[in-house]
C-alpha cells in the first residue's frame, strides 16, 4: 500500500497532497493485494485489542454465527499525522 501511495504522490509538492484523488491508486493496490496475498483472519474476544500497521490492508469479515449473541462494535483510532509523515 505504501508503494502505491508513494507512486500516486510522486512529483507532486507535499502541500498539494491533500487535494490529490488517490481513489484509483487505492483500488488498484487493494485489488493487487487481494490477488497476491494470503488472507490472515484475526480473531479477538470481546474486550481484546488488535493493533495494525497503518499500511496494512484490513477489513471486517461478515459476522460468523457463534455462541456470542451480543452485537460487536469496532473502534478505529488514527493518530493525527501529517500526510508526508504518514508515507
PDB file of N, CA and C in Angstrom:
ATOM      1  N   UNK A   1       0.832  -1.183   0.000  1.00  0.00           N
ATOM      2  CA  UNK A   1       0.000   0.000   0.000  1.00  0.00           C
ATOM      3  C   UNK A   1       0.882   1.254   0.000  1.00  0.00           C
ATOM      4  N   UNK A   2       1.981   1.175   0.766  1.00  0.00           N
ATOM      5  CA  UNK A   2       2.867   2.333   0.818  1.00  0.00           C
ATOM      6  C   UNK A   2       3.394   2.674  -0.573  1.00  0.00           C
ATOM      7  N   UNK A   3       3.825   1.661  -1.312  1.00  0.00           N
ATOM      8  CA  UNK A   3       4.370   1.896  -2.654  1.00  0.00           C
ATOM      9  C   UNK A   3       3.314   2.517  -3.570  1.00  0.00           C
ATOM     10  N   UNK A   4       2.083   2.056  -3.470  1.00  0.00           N
ATOM     11  CA  UNK A   4       1.009   2.603  -4.310  1.00  0.00           C
ATOM     12  C   UNK A   4       0.780   4.078  -4.008  1.00  0.00           C
ATOM     13  N   UNK A   5       0.755   4.429  -2.737  1.00  0.00           N
ATOM     14  CA  UNK A   5       0.547   5.835  -2.381  1.00  0.00           C
ATOM     15  C   UNK A   5       1.775   6.681  -2.711  1.00  0.00           C
ATOM     16  N   UNK A   6       2.962   6.128  -2.527  1.00  0.00           N
ATOM     17  CA  UNK A   6       4.176   6.865  -2.888  1.00  0.00           C
ATOM     18  C   UNK A   6       4.175   7.179  -4.383  1.00  0.00           C
ATOM     19  N   UNK A   7       3.765   6.208  -5.200  1.00  0.00           N
ATOM     20  CA  UNK A   7       3.672   6.445  -6.645  1.00  0.00           C
ATOM     21  C   UNK A   7       2.610   7.490  -6.968  1.00  0.00           C
ATOM     22  N   UNK A   8       1.486   7.442  -6.279  1.00  0.00           N
ATOM     23  CA  UNK A   8       0.394   8.391  -6.541  1.00  0.00           C
ATOM     24  C   UNK A   8       0.809   9.827  -6.226  1.00  0.00           C
ATOM     25  N   UNK A   9       1.676   9.997  -5.237  1.00  0.00           N
ATOM     26  CA  UNK A   9       2.100  11.340  -4.839  1.00  0.00           C
ATOM     27  C   UNK A   9       3.433  11.767  -5.453  1.00  0.00           C
ATOM     28  N   UNK A  10       4.064  10.875  -6.204  1.00  0.00           N
ATOM     29  CA  UNK A  10       5.373  11.178  -6.799  1.00  0.00           C
ATOM     30  C   UNK A  10       5.301  12.414  -7.690  1.00  0.00           C
ATOM     31  N   UNK A  11       6.249  13.304  -7.489  1.00  0.00           N
ATOM     32  CA  UNK A  11       6.339  14.501  -8.321  1.00  0.00           C
ATOM     33  C   UNK A  11       5.358  15.600  -7.965  1.00  0.00           C
ATOM     34  N   UNK A  12       4.560  15.394  -6.937  1.00  0.00           N
ATOM     35  CA  UNK A  12       3.577  16.398  -6.519  1.00  0.00           C
ATOM     36  C   UNK A  12       4.085  17.048  -5.234  1.00  0.00           C
ATOM     37  N   UNK A  13       4.125  18.371  -5.193  1.00  0.00           N
ATOM     38  CA  UNK A  13       4.582  19.035  -3.966  1.00  0.00           C
ATOM     39  C   UNK A  13       3.737  18.614  -2.753  1.00  0.00           C
ATOM     40  N   UNK A  14       4.396  18.392  -1.631  1.00  0.00           N
ATOM     41  CA  UNK A  14       3.746  17.905  -0.412  1.00  0.00           C
ATOM     42  C   UNK A  14       2.527  18.744  -0.027  1.00  0.00           C
ATOM     43  N   UNK A  15       2.591  20.034  -0.197  1.00  0.00           N
ATOM     44  CA  UNK A  15       1.468  20.893   0.187  1.00  0.00           C
ATOM     45  C   UNK A  15       0.221  20.618  -0.651  1.00  0.00           C
ATOM     46  N   UNK A  16       0.383  20.033  -1.820  1.00  0.00           N
ATOM     47  CA  UNK A  16      -0.757  19.736  -2.687  1.00  0.00           C
ATOM     48  C   UNK A  16      -1.330  18.340  -2.441  1.00  0.00           C
ATOM     49  N   UNK A  17      -0.674  17.524  -1.642  1.00  0.00           N
ATOM     50  CA  UNK A  17      -1.118  16.154  -1.412  1.00  0.00           C
ATOM     51  C   UNK A  17      -2.566  16.042  -0.938  1.00  0.00           C
ATOM     52  N   UNK A  18      -3.035  16.929  -0.051  1.00  0.00           N
ATOM     53  CA  UNK A  18      -4.432  16.788   0.401  1.00  0.00           C
ATOM     54  C   UNK A  18      -5.461  16.933  -0.730  1.00  0.00           C
ATOM     55  N   UNK A  19      -5.062  17.490  -1.856  1.00  0.00           N
ATOM     56  CA  UNK A  19      -6.002  17.682  -2.963  1.00  0.00           C
ATOM     57  C   UNK A  19      -5.947  16.556  -3.991  1.00  0.00           C
ATOM     58  N   UNK A  20      -5.022  15.613  -3.812  1.00  0.00           N
ATOM     59  CA  UNK A  20      -4.849  14.530  -4.784  1.00  0.00           C
ATOM     60  C   UNK A  20      -5.886  13.433  -4.540  1.00  0.00           C
ATOM     61  N   UNK A  21      -6.566  13.044  -5.601  1.00  0.00           N
ATOM     62  CA  UNK A  21      -7.532  11.942  -5.511  1.00  0.00           C
ATOM     63  C   UNK A  21      -6.776  10.633  -5.712  1.00  0.00           C
ATOM     64  N   UNK A  22      -6.689   9.814  -4.656  1.00  0.00           N
ATOM     65  CA  UNK A  22      -5.940   8.557  -4.714  1.00  0.00           C
ATOM     66  C   UNK A  22      -6.873   7.345  -4.877  1.00  0.00           C
ATOM     67  N   UNK A  23      -8.121   7.594  -5.227  1.00  0.00           N
ATOM     68  CA  UNK A  23      -9.100   6.515  -5.334  1.00  0.00           C
ATOM     69  C   UNK A  23      -8.639   5.408  -6.280  1.00  0.00           C
ATOM     70  N   UNK A  24      -8.216   5.760  -7.472  1.00  0.00           N
ATOM     71  CA  UNK A  24      -7.802   4.744  -8.448  1.00  0.00           C
ATOM     72  C   UNK A  24      -6.563   3.994  -7.979  1.00  0.00           C
ATOM     73  N   UNK A  25      -5.594   4.715  -7.423  1.00  0.00           N
ATOM     74  CA  UNK A  25      -4.370   4.070  -6.918  1.00  0.00           C
ATOM     75  C   UNK A  25      -4.713   3.109  -5.779  1.00  0.00           C
ATOM     76  N   UNK A  26      -5.606   3.523  -4.900  1.00  0.00           N
ATOM     77  CA  UNK A  26      -6.012   2.673  -3.779  1.00  0.00           C
ATOM     78  C   UNK A  26      -6.734   1.421  -4.277  1.00  0.00           C
ATOM     79  N   UNK A  27      -7.661   1.593  -5.190  1.00  0.00           N
ATOM     80  CA  UNK A  27      -8.412   0.439  -5.716  1.00  0.00           C
ATOM     81  C   UNK A  27      -7.491  -0.555  -6.418  1.00  0.00           C
ATOM     82  N   UNK A  28      -6.548  -0.049  -7.204  1.00  0.00           N
ATOM     83  CA  UNK A  28      -5.619  -0.933  -7.911  1.00  0.00           C
ATOM     84  C   UNK A  28      -4.730  -1.680  -6.913  1.00  0.00           C
ATOM     85  N   UNK A  29      -4.218  -0.986  -5.908  1.00  0.00           N
ATOM     86  CA  UNK A  29      -3.363  -1.622  -4.908  1.00  0.00           C
ATOM     87  C   UNK A  29      -4.156  -2.656  -4.113  1.00  0.00           C
ATOM     88  N   UNK A  30      -5.357  -2.308  -3.734  1.00  0.00           N
ATOM     89  CA  UNK A  30      -6.206  -3.230  -2.973  1.00  0.00           C
ATOM     90  C   UNK A  30      -6.496  -4.489  -3.781  1.00  0.00           C
ATOM     91  N   UNK A  31      -6.803  -4.315  -5.053  1.00  0.00           N
ATOM     92  CA  UNK A  31      -7.059  -5.451  -5.925  1.00  0.00           C
ATOM     93  C   UNK A  31      -5.824  -6.341  -6.026  1.00  0.00           C
ATOM     94  N   UNK A  32      -4.658  -5.743  -6.181  1.00  0.00           N
ATOM     95  CA  UNK A  32      -3.411  -6.492  -6.260  1.00  0.00           C
ATOM     96  C   UNK A  32      -3.148  -7.276  -4.976  1.00  0.00           C
ATOM     97  N   UNK A  33      -3.398  -6.643  -3.843  1.00  0.00           N
ATOM     98  CA  UNK A  33      -3.196  -7.315  -2.555  1.00  0.00           C
ATOM     99  C   UNK A  33      -4.107  -8.533  -2.451  1.00  0.00           C
ATOM    100  N   UNK A  34      -5.370  -8.372  -2.795  1.00  0.00           N
ATOM    101  CA  UNK A  34      -6.308  -9.496  -2.706  1.00  0.00           C
ATOM    102  C   UNK A  34      -5.929 -10.634  -3.653  1.00  0.00           C
ATOM    103  N   UNK A  35      -5.323 -10.301  -4.789  1.00  0.00           N
ATOM    104  CA  UNK A  35      -4.925 -11.327  -5.759  1.00  0.00           C
ATOM    105  C   UNK A  35      -3.629 -12.033  -5.367  1.00  0.00           C
ATOM    106  N   UNK A  36      -2.734 -11.351  -4.668  1.00  0.00           N
ATOM    107  CA  UNK A  36      -1.395 -11.897  -4.448  1.00  0.00           C
ATOM    108  C   UNK A  36      -1.063 -12.262  -3.013  1.00  0.00           C
ATOM    109  N   UNK A  37      -1.838 -11.822  -2.059  1.00  0.00           N
ATOM    110  CA  UNK A  37      -1.515 -12.065  -0.649  1.00  0.00           C
ATOM    111  C   UNK A  37      -2.521 -13.027  -0.015  1.00  0.00           C
ATOM    112  N   UNK A  38      -2.006 -13.841   0.862  1.00  0.00           N
ATOM    113  CA  UNK A  38      -2.876 -14.767   1.588  1.00  0.00           C
ATOM    114  C   UNK A  38      -3.616 -14.013   2.689  1.00  0.00           C
ATOM    115  N   UNK A  39      -4.892 -14.262   2.809  1.00  0.00           N
ATOM    116  CA  UNK A  39      -5.704 -13.640   3.858  1.00  0.00           C
ATOM    117  C   UNK A  39      -5.366 -14.293   5.198  1.00  0.00           C
ATOM    118  N   UNK A  40      -5.214 -13.479   6.219  1.00  0.00           N
ATOM    119  CA  UNK A  40      -4.911 -13.981   7.554  1.00  0.00           C
ATOM    120  C   UNK A  40      -5.977 -13.474   8.520  1.00  0.00           C
ATOM    121  N   UNK A  41      -6.968 -14.299   8.828  1.00  0.00           N
ATOM    122  CA  UNK A  41      -8.010 -13.851   9.761  1.00  0.00           C
ATOM    123  C   UNK A  41      -7.447 -13.718  11.177  1.00  0.00           C
ATOM    124  N   UNK A  42      -7.853 -12.674  11.845  1.00  0.00           N
ATOM    125  CA  UNK A  42      -7.507 -12.460  13.251  1.00  0.00           C
ATOM    126  C   UNK A  42      -8.799 -12.470  14.049  1.00  0.00           C
ATOM    127  N   UNK A  43      -8.789 -13.180  15.142  1.00  0.00           N
ATOM    128  CA  UNK A  43      -9.984 -13.228  15.985  1.00  0.00           C
ATOM    129  C   UNK A  43      -9.646 -12.643  17.339  1.00  0.00           C
ATOM    130  N   UNK A  44     -10.565 -11.888  17.856  1.00  0.00           N
ATOM    131  CA  UNK A  44     -10.380 -11.283  19.175  1.00  0.00           C
ATOM    132  C   UNK A  44     -11.630 -11.537  20.006  1.00  0.00           C
ATOM    133  N   UNK A  45     -11.391 -11.827  21.252  1.00  0.00           N
ATOM    134  CA  UNK A  45     -12.505 -11.989  22.186  1.00  0.00           C
ATOM    135  C   UNK A  45     -13.009 -10.606  22.576  1.00  0.00           C
ATOM    136  N   UNK A  46     -14.247 -10.515  23.059  1.00  0.00           N
ATOM    137  CA  UNK A  46     -14.750  -9.209  23.498  1.00  0.00           C
ATOM    138  C   UNK A  46     -13.777  -8.552  24.485  1.00  0.00           C
ATOM    139  N   UNK A  47     -13.469  -7.288  24.211  1.00  0.00           N
ATOM    140  CA  UNK A  47     -12.565  -6.533  25.071  1.00  0.00           C
ATOM    141  C   UNK A  47     -11.119  -6.558  24.620  1.00  0.00           C
ATOM    142  N   UNK A  48     -10.771  -7.454  23.711  1.00  0.00           N
ATOM    143  CA  UNK A  48      -9.397  -7.507  23.220  1.00  0.00           C
ATOM    144  C   UNK A  48      -9.165  -6.443  22.159  1.00  0.00           C
ATOM    145  N   UNK A  49      -7.888  -6.133  21.946  1.00  0.00           N
ATOM    146  CA  UNK A  49      -7.496  -5.095  21.008  1.00  0.00           C
ATOM    147  C   UNK A  49      -6.529  -5.687  19.992  1.00  0.00           C
ATOM    148  N   UNK A  50      -6.637  -5.244  18.754  1.00  0.00           N
ATOM    149  CA  UNK A  50      -5.686  -5.628  17.718  1.00  0.00           C
ATOM    150  C   UNK A  50      -5.091  -4.339  17.163  1.00  0.00           C
ATOM    151  N   UNK A  51      -3.785  -4.258  17.188  1.00  0.00           N
ATOM    152  CA  UNK A  51      -3.070  -3.091  16.677  1.00  0.00           C
ATOM    153  C   UNK A  51      -2.504  -3.437  15.306  1.00  0.00           C
ATOM    154  N   UNK A  52      -2.820  -2.630  14.300  1.00  0.00           N
ATOM    155  CA  UNK A  52      -2.397  -2.893  12.930  1.00  0.00           C
ATOM    156  C   UNK A  52      -1.518  -1.770  12.416  1.00  0.00           C
ATOM    157  N   UNK A  53      -0.572  -2.128  11.575  1.00  0.00           N
ATOM    158  CA  UNK A  53       0.274  -1.128  10.919  1.00  0.00           C
ATOM    159  C   UNK A  53      -0.597  -0.281   9.993  1.00  0.00           C
ATOM    160  N   UNK A  54      -0.295   0.983   9.876  1.00  0.00           N
ATOM    161  CA  UNK A  54      -1.150   1.896   9.110  1.00  0.00           C
ATOM    162  C   UNK A  54      -1.214   1.575   7.618  1.00  0.00           C
ATOM    163  N   UNK A  55      -0.250   0.835   7.088  1.00  0.00           N
ATOM    164  CA  UNK A  55      -0.280   0.488   5.671  1.00  0.00           C
ATOM    165  C   UNK A  55      -0.846  -0.907   5.416  1.00  0.00           C
ATOM    166  N   UNK A  56      -1.280  -1.565   6.444  1.00  0.00           N
ATOM    167  CA  UNK A  56      -1.829  -2.909   6.303  1.00  0.00           C
ATOM    168  C   UNK A  56      -3.259  -2.830   5.775  1.00  0.00           C
ATOM    169  N   UNK A  57      -3.506  -3.541   4.690  1.00  0.00           N
ATOM    170  CA  UNK A  57      -4.868  -3.600   4.173  1.00  0.00           C
ATOM    171  C   UNK A  57      -5.679  -4.467   5.123  1.00  0.00           C
ATOM    172  N   UNK A  58      -6.779  -3.953   5.614  1.00  0.00           N
ATOM    173  CA  UNK A  58      -7.573  -4.689   6.588  1.00  0.00           C
ATOM    174  C   UNK A  58      -9.056  -4.433   6.351  1.00  0.00           C
ATOM    175  N   UNK A  59      -9.840  -5.288   6.938  1.00  0.00           N
ATOM    176  CA  UNK A  59     -11.283  -5.146   6.821  1.00  0.00           C
ATOM    177  C   UNK A  59     -11.953  -6.015   7.861  1.00  0.00           C
ATOM    178  N   UNK A  60     -13.252  -6.040   7.819  1.00  0.00           N
ATOM    179  CA  UNK A  60     -14.024  -6.821   8.776  1.00  0.00           C
ATOM    180  C   UNK A  60     -14.866  -7.819   7.985  1.00  0.00           C
ATOM    181  N   UNK A  61     -14.648  -9.091   8.265  1.00  0.00           N
ATOM    182  CA  UNK A  61     -15.404 -10.145   7.586  1.00  0.00           C
ATOM    183  C   UNK A  61     -16.820 -10.190   8.147  1.00  0.00           C
ATOM    184  N   UNK A  62     -17.728 -10.781   7.401  1.00  0.00           N
ATOM    185  CA  UNK A  62     -19.090 -10.935   7.925  1.00  0.00           C
ATOM    186  C   UNK A  62     -19.088 -11.673   9.266  1.00  0.00           C
ATOM    187  N   UNK A  63     -19.983 -11.291  10.117  1.00  0.00           N
ATOM    188  CA  UNK A  63     -20.076 -11.857  11.466  1.00  0.00           C
ATOM    189  C   UNK A  63     -20.488 -13.315  11.374  1.00  0.00           C
ATOM    190  N   UNK A  64     -19.672 -14.208  11.940  1.00  0.00           N
ATOM    191  CA  UNK A  64     -19.982 -15.642  11.940  1.00  0.00           C
ATOM    192  C   UNK A  64     -20.964 -15.937  13.070  1.00  0.00           C
ATOM    193  N   UNK A  65     -21.864 -16.840  12.841  1.00  0.00           N
ATOM    194  CA  UNK A  65     -22.816 -17.228  13.873  1.00  0.00           C
ATOM    195  C   UNK A  65     -22.090 -18.076  14.912  1.00  0.00           C
ATOM    196  N   UNK A  66     -22.087 -17.598  16.134  1.00  0.00           N
ATOM    197  CA  UNK A  66     -21.416 -18.306  17.224  1.00  0.00           C
ATOM    198  C   UNK A  66     -22.304 -18.248  18.449  1.00  0.00           C
ATOM    199  N   UNK A  67     -21.766 -18.681  19.563  1.00  0.00           N
ATOM    200  CA  UNK A  67     -22.482 -18.596  20.831  1.00  0.00           C
ATOM    201  C   UNK A  67     -22.652 -17.138  21.262  1.00  0.00           C
ATOM    202  N   UNK A  68     -21.782 -16.276  20.768  1.00  0.00           N
ATOM    203  CA  UNK A  68     -21.823 -14.859  21.151  1.00  0.00           C
ATOM    204  C   UNK A  68     -23.075 -14.213  20.573  1.00  0.00           C
ATOM    205  N   UNK A  69     -23.936 -13.688  21.429  1.00  0.00           N
ATOM    206  CA  UNK A  69     -25.180 -13.075  20.963  1.00  0.00           C
ATOM    207  C   UNK A  69     -25.135 -11.553  21.028  1.00  0.00           C
ATOM    208  N   UNK A  70     -24.153 -11.021  21.727  1.00  0.00           N
ATOM    209  CA  UNK A  70     -24.060  -9.564  21.808  1.00  0.00           C
ATOM    210  C   UNK A  70     -23.536  -9.000  20.488  1.00  0.00           C
ATOM    211  N   UNK A  71     -24.037  -7.837  20.094  1.00  0.00           N
ATOM    212  CA  UNK A  71     -23.504  -7.245  18.859  1.00  0.00           C
ATOM    213  C   UNK A  71     -22.055  -6.807  19.072  1.00  0.00           C
ATOM    214  N   UNK A  72     -21.288  -6.837  18.011  1.00  0.00           N
ATOM    215  CA  UNK A  72     -19.901  -6.388  18.111  1.00  0.00           C
ATOM    216  C   UNK A  72     -19.795  -4.944  17.666  1.00  0.00           C
ATOM    217  N   UNK A  73     -18.775  -4.307  18.145  1.00  0.00           N
ATOM    218  CA  UNK A  73     -18.518  -2.916  17.778  1.00  0.00           C
ATOM    219  C   UNK A  73     -17.032  -2.762  17.504  1.00  0.00           C
ATOM    220  N   UNK A  74     -16.725  -1.958  16.512  1.00  0.00           N
ATOM    221  CA  UNK A  74     -15.332  -1.700  16.160  1.00  0.00           C
ATOM    222  C   UNK A  74     -15.062  -0.216  16.356  1.00  0.00           C
ATOM    223  N   UNK A  75     -13.914   0.075  16.883  1.00  0.00           N
ATOM    224  CA  UNK A  75     -13.492   1.468  17.027  1.00  0.00           C
ATOM    225  C   UNK A  75     -12.123   1.600  16.375  1.00  0.00           C
ATOM    226  N   UNK A  76     -11.966   2.594  15.542  1.00  0.00           N
ATOM    227  CA  UNK A  76     -10.697   2.844  14.884  1.00  0.00           C
ATOM    228  C   UNK A  76     -10.113   4.129  15.444  1.00  0.00           C
ATOM    229  N   UNK A  77      -8.875   4.061  15.874  1.00  0.00           N
ATOM    230  CA  UNK A  77      -8.179   5.234  16.377  1.00  0.00           C
ATOM    231  C   UNK A  77      -7.013   5.506  15.439  1.00  0.00           C
ATOM    232  N   UNK A  78      -7.016   6.653  14.835  1.00  0.00           N
ATOM    233  CA  UNK A  78      -5.952   7.028  13.910  1.00  0.00           C
ATOM    234  C   UNK A  78      -5.327   8.318  14.415  1.00  0.00           C
ATOM    235  N   UNK A  79      -4.043   8.246  14.738  1.00  0.00           N
ATOM    236  CA  UNK A  79      -3.391   9.457  15.236  1.00  0.00           C
ATOM    237  C   UNK A  79      -3.327  10.530  14.151  1.00  0.00           C
ATOM    238  N   UNK A  80      -3.360  11.768  14.575  1.00  0.00           N
ATOM    239  CA  UNK A  80      -3.224  12.868  13.626  1.00  0.00           C
ATOM    240  C   UNK A  80      -1.761  12.952  13.223  1.00  0.00           C
ATOM    241  N   UNK A  81      -1.498  12.664  11.964  1.00  0.00           N
ATOM    242  CA  UNK A  81      -0.150  12.642  11.435  1.00  0.00           C
ATOM    243  C   UNK A  81      -0.158  13.416  10.133  1.00  0.00           C
ATOM    244  N   UNK A  82       0.878  14.204   9.924  1.00  0.00           N
ATOM    245  CA  UNK A  82       0.981  14.909   8.642  1.00  0.00           C
ATOM    246  C   UNK A  82       1.058  13.884   7.521  1.00  0.00           C
ATOM    247  N   UNK A  83       0.402  14.155   6.420  1.00  0.00           N
ATOM    248  CA  UNK A  83       0.342  13.212   5.311  1.00  0.00           C
ATOM    249  C   UNK A  83       1.732  12.796   4.846  1.00  0.00           C
ATOM    250  N   UNK A  84       2.660  13.741   4.783  1.00  0.00           N
ATOM    251  CA  UNK A  84       4.024  13.422   4.344  1.00  0.00           C
ATOM    252  C   UNK A  84       4.690  12.450   5.307  1.00  0.00           C
ATOM    253  N   UNK A  85       4.399  12.562   6.610  1.00  0.00           N
ATOM    254  CA  UNK A  85       4.984  11.645   7.596  1.00  0.00           C
ATOM    255  C   UNK A  85       4.291  10.283   7.554  1.00  0.00           C
ATOM    256  N   UNK A  86       3.053  10.246   7.108  1.00  0.00           N
ATOM    257  CA  UNK A  86       2.297   9.008   7.057  1.00  0.00           C
ATOM    258  C   UNK A  86       2.911   8.033   6.060  1.00  0.00           C
ATOM    259  N   UNK A  87       3.391   8.567   4.921  1.00  0.00           N
ATOM    260  CA  UNK A  87       4.021   7.709   3.921  1.00  0.00           C
ATOM    261  C   UNK A  87       5.356   7.224   4.418  1.00  0.00           C
TER     262      UNK A  87
END
